[in-house]
C-alpha atoms as a PDB file:
ATOM      1  CA  MET A   1       0.000   0.000   0.000  1.00  0.00           C
ATOM      2  CA  LYS A   2       1.292   3.468  -0.858  1.00  0.00           C
ATOM      3  CA  ASN A   3       1.757   5.963   1.947  1.00  0.00           C
ATOM      4  CA  CYS A   4       1.463   3.240   4.560  1.00  0.00           C
ATOM      5  CA  PRO A   5       3.168   4.312   7.784  1.00  0.00           C
ATOM      6  CA  ALA A   6       5.854   2.123   9.285  1.00  0.00           C
ATOM      7  CA  THR A   7       4.218   0.103  12.040  1.00  0.00           C
ATOM      8  CA  ASP A   8       6.949  -2.370  12.974  1.00  0.00           C
ATOM      9  CA  ALA A   9       8.141  -0.153  15.833  1.00  0.00           C
ATOM     10  CA  LEU A  10       4.760  -0.675  17.484  1.00  0.00           C
ATOM     11  CA  LYS A  11       5.631  -4.354  18.003  1.00  0.00           C
ATOM     12  CA  ASP A  12       8.224  -3.247  20.545  1.00  0.00           C
ATOM     13  CA  VAL A  13       5.620  -1.183  22.390  1.00  0.00           C
ATOM     14  CA  SER A  14       2.822  -3.748  22.314  1.00  0.00           C
ATOM     15  CA  ILE A  15       1.886  -6.546  19.943  1.00  0.00           C
ATOM     16  CA  ASP A  16      -1.738  -5.624  20.670  1.00  0.00           C
ATOM     17  CA  ALA A  17      -1.132  -2.001  19.632  1.00  0.00           C
ATOM     18  CA  TRP A  18       0.553  -3.170  16.439  1.00  0.00           C
ATOM     19  CA  ASP A  19      -2.313  -5.545  15.631  1.00  0.00           C
ATOM     20  CA  LEU A  20      -4.932  -2.876  16.286  1.00  0.00           C
ATOM     21  CA  VAL A  21      -3.256  -0.152  14.231  1.00  0.00           C
ATOM     22  CA  LEU A  22      -2.576  -2.564  11.372  1.00  0.00           C
ATOM     23  CA  SER A  23      -6.246  -3.588  11.275  1.00  0.00           C
ATOM     24  CA  MET A  24      -7.365   0.061  11.252  1.00  0.00           C
ATOM     25  CA  LEU A  25      -5.049   0.846   8.316  1.00  0.00           C
ATOM     26  CA  ARG A  26      -6.421  -1.813   5.947  1.00  0.00           C
ATOM     27  CA  ARG A  27      -6.884  -0.491   2.432  1.00  0.00           C
ATOM     28  CA  ASN A  28     -10.470  -1.714   2.120  1.00  0.00           C
ATOM     29  CA  PRO A  29     -12.686   0.247   4.545  1.00  0.00           C
ATOM     30  CA  LYS A  30     -15.055  -2.723   4.831  1.00  0.00           C
ATOM     31  CA  SER A  31     -12.166  -4.806   6.195  1.00  0.00           C
ATOM     32  CA  ARG A  32     -11.408  -2.302   8.947  1.00  0.00           C
ATOM     33  CA  PRO A  33     -12.794  -2.871  12.437  1.00  0.00           C
ATOM     34  CA  THR A  34     -15.817  -0.936  13.587  1.00  0.00           C
ATOM     35  CA  ALA A  35     -15.590   1.498  16.494  1.00  0.00           C
ATOM     36  CA  ALA A  36     -17.158  -1.140  18.759  1.00  0.00           C
ATOM     37  CA  GLN A  37     -14.605  -3.749  17.643  1.00  0.00           C
ATOM     38  CA  ILE A  38     -11.786  -1.288  18.268  1.00  0.00           C
ATOM     39  CA  CYS A  39     -13.063  -0.565  21.779  1.00  0.00           C
ATOM     40  CA  ASN A  40     -13.209  -4.316  22.497  1.00  0.00           C
ATOM     41  CA  HIS A  41      -9.728  -5.031  21.137  1.00  0.00           C
ATOM     42  CA  PRO A  42      -7.302  -6.716  23.604  1.00  0.00           C
ATOM     43  CA  PHE A  43      -5.151  -3.577  23.528  1.00  0.00           C
ATOM     44  CA  PHE A  44      -7.764  -1.944  25.749  1.00  0.00           C
ATOM     45  CA  TRP A  45      -8.227  -4.893  28.134  1.00  0.00           C
ATOM     46  CA  ASN A  46      -7.247  -4.381  31.750  1.00  0.00           C
ATOM     47  CA  SER A  47      -5.238  -7.020  33.621  1.00  0.00           C
ATOM     48  CA  THR A  48      -8.385  -8.583  35.093  1.00  0.00           C
ATOM     49  CA  LYS A  49      -9.896  -9.153  31.655  1.00  0.00           C
ATOM     50  CA  ARG A  50      -6.581 -10.505  30.314  1.00  0.00           C
ATOM     51  CA  LEU A  51      -6.315 -12.952  33.199  1.00  0.00           C
ATOM     52  CA  ALA A  52      -9.926 -14.069  32.728  1.00  0.00           C
ATOM     53  CA  PHE A  53      -9.281 -14.624  29.022  1.00  0.00           C
ATOM     54  CA  LEU A  54      -6.122 -16.659  29.659  1.00  0.00           C
ATOM     55  CA  CYS A  55      -7.812 -18.788  32.318  1.00  0.00           C
ATOM     56  CA  GLU A  56     -10.876 -19.373  30.138  1.00  0.00           C
ATOM     57  CA  PHE A  57      -8.679 -20.209  27.157  1.00  0.00           C
ATOM     58  CA  SER A  58      -6.589 -22.624  29.217  1.00  0.00           C
ATOM     59  CA  ASP A  59      -9.717 -24.257  30.635  1.00  0.00           C
ATOM     60  CA  ARG A  60     -11.131 -24.580  27.125  1.00  0.00           C
ATOM     61  CA  LEU A  61      -8.016 -26.378  25.908  1.00  0.00           C
ATOM     62  CA  GLU A  62      -8.223 -28.799  28.833  1.00  0.00           C
ATOM     63  CA  THR A  63     -11.955 -29.398  28.352  1.00  0.00           C
ATOM     64  CA  ASP A  64     -11.546 -29.941  24.618  1.00  0.00           C
ATOM     65  CA  ALA A  65      -8.736 -32.420  25.278  1.00  0.00           C
ATOM     66  CA  GLU A  66     -11.013 -34.446  27.548  1.00  0.00           C
ATOM     67  CA  THR A  67     -14.055 -34.417  25.247  1.00  0.00           C
ATOM     68  CA  SER A  68     -12.365 -34.676  21.854  1.00  0.00           C
ATOM     69  CA  PRO A  69      -8.768 -35.935  21.940  1.00  0.00           C
ATOM     70  CA  THR A  70      -8.398 -36.058  18.161  1.00  0.00           C
ATOM     71  CA  ALA A  71      -9.519 -32.473  17.544  1.00  0.00           C
ATOM     72  CA  ASP A  72      -7.447 -31.229  20.471  1.00  0.00           C
ATOM     73  CA  GLY A  73      -4.151 -32.175  18.851  1.00  0.00           C
ATOM     74  CA  PHE A  74      -5.025 -30.223  15.730  1.00  0.00           C
ATOM     75  CA  ASP A  75      -6.315 -27.181  17.670  1.00  0.00           C
ATOM     76  CA  ARG A  76      -3.214 -27.072  19.856  1.00  0.00           C
ATOM     77  CA  LEU A  77      -1.001 -27.319  16.802  1.00  0.00           C
ATOM     78  CA  LEU A  78      -2.743 -24.312  15.236  1.00  0.00           C
ATOM     79  CA  ILE A  79      -2.433 -22.315  18.454  1.00  0.00           C
ATOM     80  CA  GLU A  80       1.182 -23.216  19.043  1.00  0.00           C
ATOM     81  CA  ARG A  81       2.189 -22.486  15.453  1.00  0.00           C
ATOM     82  CA  LYS A  82       1.688 -18.750  16.033  1.00  0.00           C
ATOM     83  CA  ALA A  83       2.831 -18.709  19.665  1.00  0.00           C
ATOM     84  CA  SER A  84       6.375 -17.551  18.946  1.00  0.00           C
ATOM     85  CA  THR A  85       5.147 -14.525  16.986  1.00  0.00           C
ATOM     86  CA  ILE A  86       2.774 -13.611  19.782  1.00  0.00           C
ATOM     87  CA  VAL A  87       4.964 -14.097  22.843  1.00  0.00           C
ATOM     88  CA  GLY A  88       8.422 -14.842  21.441  1.00  0.00           C
ATOM     89  CA  THR A  89      10.586 -17.667  22.673  1.00  0.00           C
ATOM     90  CA  SER A  90      10.261 -16.740  26.333  1.00  0.00           C
ATOM     91  CA  TRP A  91       6.654 -15.933  27.099  1.00  0.00           C
ATOM     92  CA  THR A  92       7.452 -14.993  30.709  1.00  0.00           C
ATOM     93  CA  LYS A  93       9.328 -11.922  29.426  1.00  0.00           C
ATOM     94  CA  ARG A  94       6.259 -10.715  27.510  1.00  0.00           C
ATOM     95  CA  ILE A  95       3.679 -11.199  30.262  1.00  0.00           C
ATOM     96  CA  ASP A  96       3.450  -9.030  33.345  1.00  0.00           C
ATOM     97  CA  PRO A  97       4.965 -10.857  36.370  1.00  0.00           C
ATOM     98  CA  SER A  98       1.885 -10.188  38.511  1.00  0.00           C
ATOM     99  CA  LEU A  99      -0.260 -11.909  35.885  1.00  0.00           C
ATOM    100  CA  ILE A 100       2.049 -14.931  35.860  1.00  0.00           C
ATOM    101  CA  ASN A 101       1.950 -15.129  39.665  1.00  0.00           C
ATOM    102  CA  ALA A 102      -1.850 -14.867  39.705  1.00  0.00           C
ATOM    103  CA  VAL A 103      -2.285 -17.604  37.105  1.00  0.00           C
ATOM    104  CA  GLN A 104       0.187 -19.926  38.817  1.00  0.00           C
ATOM    105  CA  LYS A 105      -1.963 -19.877  41.949  1.00  0.00           C
ATOM    106  CA  PHE A 106      -4.493 -21.981  40.056  1.00  0.00           C
ATOM    107  CA  ARG A 107      -2.306 -24.198  37.856  1.00  0.00           C
ATOM    108  CA  SER A 108       1.337 -24.787  37.056  1.00  0.00           C
ATOM    109  CA  TYR A 109       3.045 -23.873  33.800  1.00  0.00           C
ATOM    110  CA  ASP A 110       6.345 -24.780  32.235  1.00  0.00           C
ATOM    111  CA  THR A 111       7.806 -21.319  31.606  1.00  0.00           C
ATOM    112  CA  SER A 112      10.473 -22.744  29.312  1.00  0.00           C
ATOM    113  CA  SER A 113       7.878 -23.957  26.784  1.00  0.00           C
END
């Protein structure tokens, strides 16, 4: 796209900020998020909402594994394929320490994964 601003620097600030700005700059206006979608973007989530999302997501993976073992392997593969672009190779460096401590009260995680 011509006249597209450089957005890569936003990745260093926040991957959520980068994702949001990129979606708002799409060439086709119909592909851009609505104001409501922008307001509900993870960039604007507080730590409580982020923790709730992570716990719900983790619970969903566990529940799906119990109810449908064959689908679970495929779903986890899809999720893990993009993990390194989302959190890098050390996800504990990208997540607020207080969030990690709060989550680990309920379940254990291998932080080297």
